[in-house]
Amino acid sequence: MSLISQHILQRVTDFIAKNQLLPLPSEQGDQGGRLYVALSGGPDSVALLHILCTLGYTCEALHCNFHLRGDESDRDQRFCEQLCTMLHVPLLVQGFDTYAYMKEHHLSVEMAARELRYNWWHSLSNPSNCPPPKQGDRGGLLIALGHHQDDSIETMLMNMMRGTGINGMTGIVAKNELTHVIRPLLCLSRQDIIDYLRDNDLSYVIDSTNDMSDTLRNQIRNQLMPLMEEMVPQVRQGITQTIEHLQGTAYFAQRYLGLFDALTTHHSQWGLQWDELNISEAARQFPEHLEDFLHEWLARYIIPSKTQVIRTSKLLYTAPVREEELDKYRPILSFEEMALDGPEKGIPQPSSPNENTFDADTLTLPLQVRRWREGDRIAPLGMKGHTRLVSDLFTDAHYSPMQKATTWLLCDATGAILWVIGLRMSDAHKVSPTTRKLLRVSCK
């Protein structure tokens, strides 16, 4: 083995250890997990697979055939099959109808391909596909991708052009716990990878679309970076150092922002979960950098999960479903009737805000639940028949928009509102000295 390959292998080994991406090869079997390598057939993934195998790791390769480039896509698959046979590496191949997926989900080619491959990879994390991890071990499944320094630089420049915060300026991360993805080659440049392939007489395939400047990434790669190198020959090293510094800054920023998790209120109702941030409280903590803080708070939800975040004058909150889908999350009612020997005997006390007891003889059955509407009125308990708008009860209770949207009304057959569930019941149906039969209603 030449000094070039030895040097590259040592850099990758040091990078894996520094970022705790993988156990030592000798310990891999004890960790109880699988190591997959995403193999496209291009230079980066070929180098990644060969490097990991040379270092002694037991790998399995994954190839996605998106059928986007006709015969060239099938050529890539055949090449991967031949390479894995030569390296004695098992290969899993998954084909996709990418254009149909694009049309169905209204996505670009790049986003459709990304979702398809990540969905496939996620399916591989099914416990039935992985040996059970031992106590204290990393366990599970890891997917190694061939991203390198130049990819990270391009990502950073793309994010900067589109507008981003500090996380967007940190390039590509070496490890993503949520997606089981690791990137062992981020310590190498594109030229390092080409040198390694040439030194080990390894062939690879070229995606002809990489030479086209039809995407922002390709324009940065083929046009902007060469121009920047003319101006500053060491620009790649300089940007890489900046990314490393910003990653450290982002680490400390996240720890600082974590001190203010108390500003976020977590809600759960009828199977829905959402978060809320009081903007005025955040402004007190960050009087000069409120918008920066709000941007970081919002990015936690938008970037990883595409969750909709809505901003009002007082509140920033997540909306896990659309308005028209809220009817799917109606509470399930259970009823229990019981007779009373006397008004003071055996009256059960509610065990939660979602349980209430009514005078059964005052009810017109059947009972039903519905979502509240503007103009709804109820005669709340203790107001002796005087009615109030349900929306005013929400205001008194400082309900947020999502709390209002997930509040249901219990009504009788006449449409009368018996209970704003979890908030106030009707005075007309309370248990009184004349009550002889109770109806206990529980919601879950």
Protein backbone atom coordinates (compact mmCIF):
# COMPACT_ATOMS: atom_id res chain seq x y z
CA MET A 1 0.00 0.00 0.00
CA SER A 2 1.36 3.42 -0.97
CA LEU A 3 1.98 6.30 1.42
CA ILE A 4 -0.96 8.19 -0.17
CA SER A 5 -3.44 5.45 0.72
CA GLN A 6 -1.93 4.94 4.17
CA HIS A 7 -2.23 8.65 4.90
CA ILE A 8 -5.87 8.78 3.75
CA LEU A 9 -6.81 5.66 5.71
CA GLN A 10 -5.26 7.13 8.86
CA ARG A 11 -7.14 10.42 8.40
CA VAL A 12 -10.43 8.55 8.06
CA THR A 13 -9.61 6.37 11.07
CA ASP A 14 -8.85 9.45 13.19
CA PHE A 15 -12.01 11.21 11.99
CA ILE A 16 -14.20 8.19 12.83
CA ALA A 17 -12.70 8.03 16.33
CA LYS A 18 -12.89 11.79 16.96
CA ASN A 19 -16.58 11.93 16.03
CA GLN A 20 -17.44 8.51 17.53
CA LEU A 21 -18.99 7.35 14.27
CA LEU A 22 -18.13 3.65 14.56
CA PRO A 23 -16.60 1.21 17.02
CA LEU A 24 -13.22 -0.27 16.22
CA PRO A 25 -13.48 -2.93 13.50
CA SER A 26 -12.54 -5.59 16.05
CA GLU A 27 -15.48 -4.50 18.22
CA GLN A 28 -18.08 -4.19 15.47
CA GLY A 29 -19.52 -7.66 16.00
CA ASP A 30 -19.97 -6.99 19.71
CA GLN A 31 -21.96 -3.81 19.06
CA GLY A 32 -24.91 -5.78 17.69
CA GLY A 33 -25.63 -3.55 14.69
CA ARG A 34 -25.33 -3.42 10.91
CA LEU A 35 -23.23 -1.06 8.82
CA TYR A 36 -24.72 -0.20 5.45
CA VAL A 37 -22.91 1.84 2.79
CA ALA A 38 -25.01 3.86 0.34
CA LEU A 39 -23.43 2.92 -2.99
CA SER A 40 -24.27 4.90 -6.12
CA GLY A 41 -21.24 3.75 -8.11
CA GLY A 42 -19.77 7.25 -8.17
CA PRO A 43 -16.25 8.01 -6.94
CA ASP A 44 -17.27 9.05 -3.42
CA SER A 45 -19.30 5.97 -2.56
CA VAL A 46 -16.82 3.58 -4.21
CA ALA A 47 -13.99 5.09 -2.16
CA LEU A 48 -16.10 4.94 1.01
CA LEU A 49 -16.95 1.25 0.57
CA HIS A 50 -13.35 0.31 -0.25
CA ILE A 51 -11.92 2.34 2.66
CA LEU A 52 -14.29 0.83 5.22
CA CYS A 53 -13.62 -2.70 3.96
CA THR A 54 -9.85 -2.04 3.99
CA LEU A 55 -10.09 -0.80 7.57
CA GLY A 56 -11.69 -4.12 8.50
CA TYR A 57 -15.37 -3.20 8.81
CA THR A 58 -18.08 -5.65 7.81
CA CYS A 59 -20.35 -3.78 5.40
CA GLU A 60 -23.45 -4.26 3.32
CA ALA A 61 -24.11 -2.00 0.35
CA LEU A 62 -27.36 -0.26 -0.62
CA HIS A 63 -28.05 0.89 -4.17
CA CYS A 64 -31.03 3.00 -5.26
CA ASN A 65 -32.05 2.84 -8.92
CA PHE A 66 -34.24 5.89 -9.45
CA HIS A 67 -34.67 5.18 -13.18
CA LEU A 68 -34.08 8.84 -14.01
CA ARG A 69 -31.31 8.48 -16.62
CA GLY A 70 -32.47 5.56 -18.76
CA ASP A 71 -29.70 3.09 -19.66
CA GLU A 72 -27.23 5.04 -17.53
CA SER A 73 -29.21 4.19 -14.37
CA ASP A 74 -29.12 0.48 -15.24
CA ARG A 75 -25.39 0.77 -16.01
CA ASP A 76 -24.81 2.16 -12.50
CA GLN A 77 -26.68 -0.77 -10.95
CA ARG A 78 -24.65 -3.33 -12.91
CA PHE A 79 -21.42 -1.63 -11.90
CA CYS A 80 -22.40 -1.75 -8.21
CA GLU A 81 -23.25 -5.43 -8.51
CA GLN A 82 -19.85 -6.17 -10.06
CA LEU A 83 -17.97 -4.06 -7.49
CA CYS A 84 -19.69 -5.76 -4.55
CA THR A 85 -18.95 -9.18 -6.03
CA MET A 86 -15.28 -8.23 -6.30
CA LEU A 87 -15.18 -6.94 -2.70
CA HIS A 88 -17.31 -9.82 -1.35
CA VAL A 89 -19.87 -7.35 0.01
CA PRO A 90 -23.62 -8.15 0.10
CA LEU A 91 -25.69 -5.71 -1.98
CA LEU A 92 -29.34 -4.67 -1.63
CA VAL A 93 -30.91 -2.94 -4.63
CA GLN A 94 -34.17 -0.97 -4.57
CA GLY A 95 -35.83 0.42 -7.70
CA PHE A 96 -38.17 3.43 -7.67
CA ASP A 97 -40.66 5.07 -10.01
CA THR A 98 -39.34 8.51 -9.12
CA TYR A 99 -41.37 10.48 -11.66
CA ALA A 100 -44.64 8.99 -10.39
CA TYR A 101 -43.63 9.84 -6.79
CA MET A 102 -42.78 13.41 -7.87
CA LYS A 103 -46.19 13.86 -9.45
CA GLU A 104 -48.09 12.31 -6.56
CA HIS A 105 -46.35 14.37 -3.86
CA HIS A 106 -45.67 17.54 -5.89
CA LEU A 107 -41.89 17.42 -5.34
CA SER A 108 -38.80 18.29 -7.35
CA VAL A 109 -36.64 15.47 -8.70
CA GLU A 110 -34.05 16.03 -5.97
CA MET A 111 -36.58 16.04 -3.12
CA ALA A 112 -38.47 13.03 -4.50
CA ALA A 113 -35.25 10.98 -4.75
CA ARG A 114 -34.22 12.09 -1.25
CA GLU A 115 -37.56 11.07 0.30
CA LEU A 116 -37.60 7.74 -1.51
CA ARG A 117 -34.14 6.69 -0.39
CA TYR A 118 -34.59 7.90 3.18
CA ASN A 119 -37.94 6.09 3.40
CA TRP A 120 -36.25 2.90 2.23
CA TRP A 121 -33.39 3.32 4.66
CA HIS A 122 -35.86 3.98 7.47
CA SER A 123 -37.64 0.72 6.66
CA LEU A 124 -34.34 -1.10 7.15
CA SER A 125 -34.24 0.08 10.76
CA ASN A 126 -37.13 -2.26 11.58
CA PRO A 127 -35.97 -4.31 14.58
CA SER A 128 -36.67 -7.52 12.66
CA ASN A 129 -33.84 -6.57 10.33
CA CYS A 130 -31.29 -5.91 13.08
CA PRO A 131 -29.82 -8.05 15.82
CA PRO A 132 -30.88 -6.80 19.27
CA PRO A 133 -28.30 -4.41 20.77
CA LYS A 134 -26.51 -5.38 23.96
CA GLN A 135 -26.83 -3.25 27.06
CA GLY A 136 -24.65 -0.15 26.77
CA ASP A 137 -23.93 -0.75 23.08
CA ARG A 138 -24.68 1.54 20.14
CA GLY A 139 -26.63 -1.25 18.46
CA GLY A 140 -29.17 -0.84 15.68
CA LEU A 141 -28.29 0.23 12.18
CA LEU A 142 -25.94 2.80 10.63
CA ILE A 143 -25.87 4.04 7.05
CA ALA A 144 -22.57 5.49 5.81
CA LEU A 145 -22.69 8.16 3.09
CA GLY A 146 -19.80 9.34 0.96
CA HIS A 147 -20.11 13.10 1.49
CA HIS A 148 -16.75 14.89 1.65
CA GLN A 149 -15.39 18.37 2.42
CA ASP A 150 -16.36 19.84 -0.95
CA ASP A 151 -19.96 18.68 -0.51
CA SER A 152 -20.03 20.40 2.89
CA ILE A 153 -18.66 23.62 1.41
CA GLU A 154 -21.30 23.57 -1.35
CA THR A 155 -24.07 22.98 1.21
CA MET A 156 -22.86 25.89 3.32
CA LEU A 157 -22.77 28.24 0.32
CA MET A 158 -26.24 27.11 -0.83
CA ASN A 159 -27.72 27.77 2.60
CA MET A 160 -26.01 31.15 2.86
CA MET A 161 -27.39 32.24 -0.53
CA ARG A 162 -30.92 31.25 0.46
CA GLY A 163 -30.72 32.81 3.92
CA THR A 164 -29.98 30.76 7.01
CA GLY A 165 -28.96 30.77 10.66
CA ILE A 166 -25.85 29.39 12.29
CA ASN A 167 -26.90 25.75 11.81
CA GLY A 168 -27.17 26.27 8.08
CA MET A 169 -23.63 27.63 8.02
CA THR A 170 -22.11 24.51 9.57
CA GLY A 171 -22.19 22.45 6.38
CA ILE A 172 -22.91 18.72 6.57
CA VAL A 173 -22.79 16.98 9.94
CA ALA A 174 -20.68 13.88 10.48
CA LYS A 175 -23.43 12.05 12.38
CA ASN A 176 -27.21 12.36 12.40
CA GLU A 177 -28.73 10.29 15.19
CA LEU A 178 -32.29 10.73 13.89
CA THR A 179 -31.59 9.19 10.49
CA HIS A 180 -28.83 6.72 11.54
CA VAL A 181 -26.56 8.41 8.98
CA ILE A 182 -22.79 8.81 9.35
CA ARG A 183 -20.31 10.46 6.97
CA PRO A 184 -16.79 9.11 7.53
CA LEU A 185 -15.24 10.96 4.53
CA LEU A 186 -15.93 14.54 5.63
CA CYS A 187 -12.24 14.79 6.49
CA LEU A 188 -11.29 14.31 2.80
CA SER A 189 -11.54 16.58 -0.21
CA ARG A 190 -12.83 15.54 -3.61
CA GLN A 191 -9.23 15.45 -4.84
CA ASP A 192 -8.20 13.19 -1.93
CA ILE A 193 -10.87 10.72 -3.01
CA ILE A 194 -9.74 10.77 -6.65
CA ASP A 195 -6.15 10.22 -5.51
CA TYR A 196 -7.21 7.24 -3.39
CA LEU A 197 -9.17 5.66 -6.25
CA ARG A 198 -6.28 6.12 -8.67
CA ASP A 199 -3.78 4.77 -6.15
CA ASN A 200 -5.86 1.60 -5.65
CA ASP A 201 -6.77 1.20 -9.34
CA LEU A 202 -10.49 1.48 -8.59
CA SER A 203 -12.94 2.36 -11.34
CA TYR A 204 -16.24 4.19 -10.88
CA VAL A 205 -19.14 5.56 -12.90
CA ILE A 206 -19.92 9.20 -13.60
CA ASP A 207 -23.40 10.71 -13.37
CA SER A 208 -23.58 12.78 -16.55
CA THR A 209 -25.99 15.24 -14.89
CA ASN A 210 -23.20 16.38 -12.54
CA ASP A 211 -21.64 18.33 -15.40
CA MET A 212 -24.88 20.22 -16.06
CA SER A 213 -25.31 23.60 -14.37
CA ASP A 214 -29.07 23.21 -14.03
CA THR A 215 -29.12 23.14 -10.21
CA LEU A 216 -27.70 25.55 -7.67
CA ARG A 217 -25.31 22.93 -6.30
CA ASN A 218 -23.91 22.19 -9.75
CA GLN A 219 -23.56 25.91 -10.47
CA ILE A 220 -21.59 26.36 -7.25
CA ARG A 221 -19.44 23.31 -8.04
CA ASN A 222 -18.78 24.03 -11.72
CA GLN A 223 -18.79 27.83 -11.85
CA LEU A 224 -18.54 29.57 -8.48
CA MET A 225 -15.85 27.48 -6.78
CA PRO A 226 -13.38 27.65 -9.72
CA LEU A 227 -13.86 31.44 -9.79
CA MET A 228 -13.28 31.71 -6.04
CA GLU A 229 -10.12 29.59 -6.35
CA GLU A 230 -8.80 32.01 -8.95
CA MET A 231 -9.27 34.80 -6.43
CA VAL A 232 -8.04 32.87 -3.36
CA PRO A 233 -6.24 29.57 -4.20
CA GLN A 234 -6.69 28.25 -0.63
CA VAL A 235 -10.40 29.09 -0.49
CA ARG A 236 -11.51 25.49 0.14
CA GLN A 237 -9.24 25.14 3.16
CA GLY A 238 -10.37 28.52 4.45
CA ILE A 239 -14.08 27.70 4.17
CA THR A 240 -13.51 24.27 5.75
CA GLN A 241 -11.83 25.93 8.74
CA THR A 242 -14.73 28.41 8.99
CA ILE A 243 -17.23 25.54 9.00
CA GLU A 244 -15.31 23.80 11.80
CA HIS A 245 -15.30 26.99 13.88
CA LEU A 246 -19.02 27.55 13.24
CA GLN A 247 -19.78 23.97 14.27
CA GLY A 248 -18.15 24.73 17.61
CA THR A 249 -20.05 27.99 17.88
CA ALA A 250 -23.32 26.20 17.07
CA TYR A 251 -22.61 23.68 19.83
CA PHE A 252 -22.27 26.41 22.44
CA ALA A 253 -25.24 28.31 21.00
CA GLN A 254 -27.45 25.25 21.28
CA ARG A 255 -26.39 24.73 24.89
CA TYR A 256 -27.22 28.38 25.59
CA LEU A 257 -30.59 28.17 23.84
CA GLY A 258 -31.27 24.96 25.74
CA LEU A 259 -31.35 26.97 28.95
CA PHE A 260 -34.59 28.51 27.69
CA ASP A 261 -36.51 25.33 26.91
CA ALA A 262 -38.73 26.42 29.79
CA LEU A 263 -40.14 29.04 27.43
CA THR A 264 -41.65 26.24 25.34
CA THR A 265 -44.94 24.77 26.52
CA HIS A 266 -45.69 21.23 25.39
CA HIS A 267 -49.33 20.25 24.87
CA SER A 268 -51.06 16.92 24.31
CA GLN A 269 -54.77 16.53 23.60
CA TRP A 270 -56.77 13.68 22.04
CA GLY A 271 -53.69 12.19 20.40
CA LEU A 272 -52.35 15.50 19.08
CA GLN A 273 -49.13 17.04 20.35
CA TRP A 274 -47.83 20.53 19.74
CA ASP A 275 -45.47 23.14 21.17
CA GLU A 276 -46.06 26.80 21.95
CA LEU A 277 -43.70 29.69 22.60
CA ASN A 278 -44.83 32.87 24.34
CA ILE A 279 -43.20 35.64 22.31
CA SER A 280 -43.37 38.27 25.06
CA GLU A 281 -41.60 35.92 27.47
CA ALA A 282 -38.94 35.21 24.85
CA ALA A 283 -38.52 38.97 24.30
CA ARG A 284 -37.74 39.42 27.97
CA GLN A 285 -34.96 36.85 27.73
CA PHE A 286 -33.63 38.11 24.38
CA PRO A 287 -34.48 41.82 24.21
CA GLU A 288 -31.95 42.58 21.47
CA HIS A 289 -32.02 39.26 19.59
CA LEU A 290 -35.65 38.17 19.69
CA GLU A 291 -35.95 37.50 15.96
CA ASP A 292 -32.74 35.44 16.03
CA PHE A 293 -34.15 33.34 18.86
CA LEU A 294 -37.50 32.90 17.10
CA HIS A 295 -35.70 31.85 13.93
CA GLU A 296 -33.78 29.16 15.80
CA TRP A 297 -36.92 27.96 17.59
CA LEU A 298 -38.83 27.71 14.32
CA ALA A 299 -35.96 25.93 12.54
CA ARG A 300 -36.12 23.07 15.04
CA TYR A 301 -39.53 22.13 13.62
CA ILE A 302 -39.43 23.23 9.98
CA ILE A 303 -36.11 21.67 9.00
CA PRO A 304 -36.37 18.16 10.41
CA SER A 305 -40.03 17.39 10.06
CA LYS A 306 -41.77 19.96 7.83
CA THR A 307 -44.11 20.76 10.71
CA GLN A 308 -46.12 23.91 10.10
CA VAL A 309 -45.33 26.72 12.53
CA ILE A 310 -47.78 29.60 12.90
CA ARG A 311 -46.98 33.00 14.33
CA THR A 312 -49.45 35.39 15.95
CA SER A 313 -48.73 38.66 17.72
CA LYS A 314 -48.30 36.82 21.02
CA LEU A 315 -47.49 33.24 20.16
CA LEU A 316 -45.41 30.94 17.99
CA TYR A 317 -46.93 27.46 17.83
CA THR A 318 -46.72 24.25 15.86
CA ALA A 319 -49.74 22.93 14.00
CA PRO A 320 -49.36 19.15 13.63
CA VAL A 321 -52.36 18.77 11.31
CA ARG A 322 -54.43 20.96 9.01
CA GLU A 323 -57.69 22.49 10.23
CA GLU A 324 -59.82 20.11 8.15
CA GLU A 325 -58.10 17.09 9.72
CA LEU A 326 -58.90 17.97 13.32
CA ASP A 327 -62.19 16.06 13.24
CA LYS A 328 -60.15 12.85 13.15
CA TYR A 329 -59.00 13.58 16.70
CA ARG A 330 -62.34 13.71 18.50
CA PRO A 331 -62.45 12.41 22.08
CA ILE A 332 -63.89 8.97 22.79
CA LEU A 333 -66.76 9.10 25.32
CA SER A 334 -67.61 6.53 27.96
CA PHE A 335 -70.72 6.69 30.18
CA GLU A 336 -71.64 5.30 33.58
CA GLU A 337 -75.10 5.64 35.15
CA MET A 338 -75.71 5.31 38.87
CA ALA A 339 -78.59 5.89 41.26
CA LEU A 340 -78.35 7.99 44.44
CA ASP A 341 -79.95 7.19 47.76
CA GLY A 342 -79.58 10.83 48.73
CA PRO A 343 -77.97 14.01 47.42
CA GLU A 344 -74.92 13.73 49.67
CA LYS A 345 -74.22 10.03 49.18
CA GLY A 346 -72.05 8.38 46.61
CA ILE A 347 -71.42 11.35 44.32
CA PRO A 348 -68.14 10.54 42.50
CA GLN A 349 -65.61 13.34 42.22
CA PRO A 350 -64.03 13.92 38.79
CA SER A 351 -60.58 12.37 38.58
CA SER A 352 -59.43 14.66 35.73
CA PRO A 353 -60.58 17.76 33.78
CA ASN A 354 -61.84 15.37 31.10
CA GLU A 355 -64.38 13.72 33.42
CA ASN A 356 -67.66 15.18 34.64
CA THR A 357 -70.92 14.17 36.37
CA PHE A 358 -74.40 15.33 35.34
CA ASP A 359 -77.96 15.04 36.60
CA ALA A 360 -79.11 12.29 34.24
CA ASP A 361 -82.81 13.25 34.46
CA THR A 362 -82.08 16.69 32.93
CA LEU A 363 -80.45 15.27 29.80
CA THR A 364 -82.10 14.65 26.44
CA LEU A 365 -80.34 11.69 24.89
CA PRO A 366 -78.45 10.82 22.81
CA LEU A 367 -75.39 12.87 23.67
CA GLN A 368 -72.82 13.86 21.08
CA VAL A 369 -69.58 15.81 20.76
CA ARG A 370 -68.72 18.45 18.22
CA ARG A 371 -66.13 21.13 17.72
CA TRP A 372 -67.01 24.62 18.90
CA ARG A 373 -68.21 27.30 16.50
CA GLU A 374 -68.23 31.08 16.67
CA GLY A 375 -71.37 32.22 18.46
CA ASP A 376 -71.70 29.13 20.67
CA ARG A 377 -73.07 29.98 24.12
CA ILE A 378 -73.30 28.10 27.40
CA ALA A 379 -74.80 28.88 30.82
CA PRO A 380 -71.72 28.09 32.94
CA LEU A 381 -71.93 26.47 36.35
CA GLY A 382 -72.60 29.04 39.06
CA MET A 383 -74.05 31.72 36.77
CA LYS A 384 -77.70 30.80 37.43
CA GLY A 385 -78.80 30.62 33.82
CA HIS A 386 -76.85 33.58 32.44
CA THR A 387 -75.08 32.56 29.25
CA ARG A 388 -71.63 33.37 27.98
CA LEU A 389 -69.91 32.94 24.66
CA VAL A 390 -67.67 29.90 24.58
CA SER A 391 -65.02 32.11 22.96
CA ASP A 392 -65.10 34.33 26.07
CA LEU A 393 -64.41 31.29 28.23
CA PHE A 394 -61.38 30.60 26.03
CA THR A 395 -60.19 34.17 26.53
CA ASP A 396 -60.61 33.92 30.32
CA ALA A 397 -58.61 30.68 30.33
CA HIS A 398 -55.90 32.19 28.06
CA TYR A 399 -56.40 29.43 25.51
CA SER A 400 -54.09 29.45 22.51
CA PRO A 401 -55.37 28.86 18.94
CA MET A 402 -54.47 25.15 19.05
CA GLN A 403 -56.11 24.74 22.46
CA LYS A 404 -59.29 26.28 21.04
CA ALA A 405 -59.12 24.14 17.91
CA THR A 406 -58.80 20.93 19.93
CA THR A 407 -61.57 21.76 22.43
CA TRP A 408 -64.81 19.82 21.98
CA LEU A 409 -68.36 20.44 23.21
CA LEU A 410 -70.65 17.82 24.74
CA CYS A 411 -74.22 18.46 23.58
CA ASP A 412 -77.56 16.73 24.08
CA ALA A 413 -80.09 15.77 21.41
CA THR A 414 -81.57 19.30 21.40
CA GLY A 415 -78.17 20.84 20.63
CA ALA A 416 -77.82 22.39 24.09
CA ILE A 417 -74.21 22.62 25.24
CA LEU A 418 -73.73 20.58 28.41
CA TRP A 419 -70.00 20.89 28.78
CA VAL A 420 -67.04 22.65 27.18
CA ILE A 421 -64.89 19.58 27.74
CA GLY A 422 -62.02 20.23 30.08
CA LEU A 423 -63.20 23.76 30.90
CA ARG A 424 -66.76 24.51 32.09
CA MET A 425 -70.08 22.62 32.37
CA SER A 426 -73.64 23.92 32.14
CA ASP A 427 -75.39 25.05 35.32
CA ALA A 428 -78.66 23.57 34.04
CA HIS A 429 -77.36 20.01 34.30
CA LYS A 430 -75.43 20.08 37.57
CA VAL A 431 -75.97 17.63 40.39
CA SER A 432 -78.44 19.18 42.89
CA PRO A 433 -80.29 18.15 46.08
CA THR A 434 -83.09 16.78 43.89
CA THR A 435 -80.78 14.60 41.80
CA ARG A 436 -81.57 10.88 41.98
CA LYS A 437 -79.67 9.53 39.00
CA LEU A 438 -76.19 10.45 37.84
CA LEU A 439 -74.47 10.15 34.49
CA ARG A 440 -70.69 10.20 34.64
CA VAL A 441 -69.01 11.05 31.32
CA SER A 442 -65.33 10.38 30.69
CA CYS A 443 -63.34 11.44 27.63
CA LYS A 444 -60.08 10.05 26.34
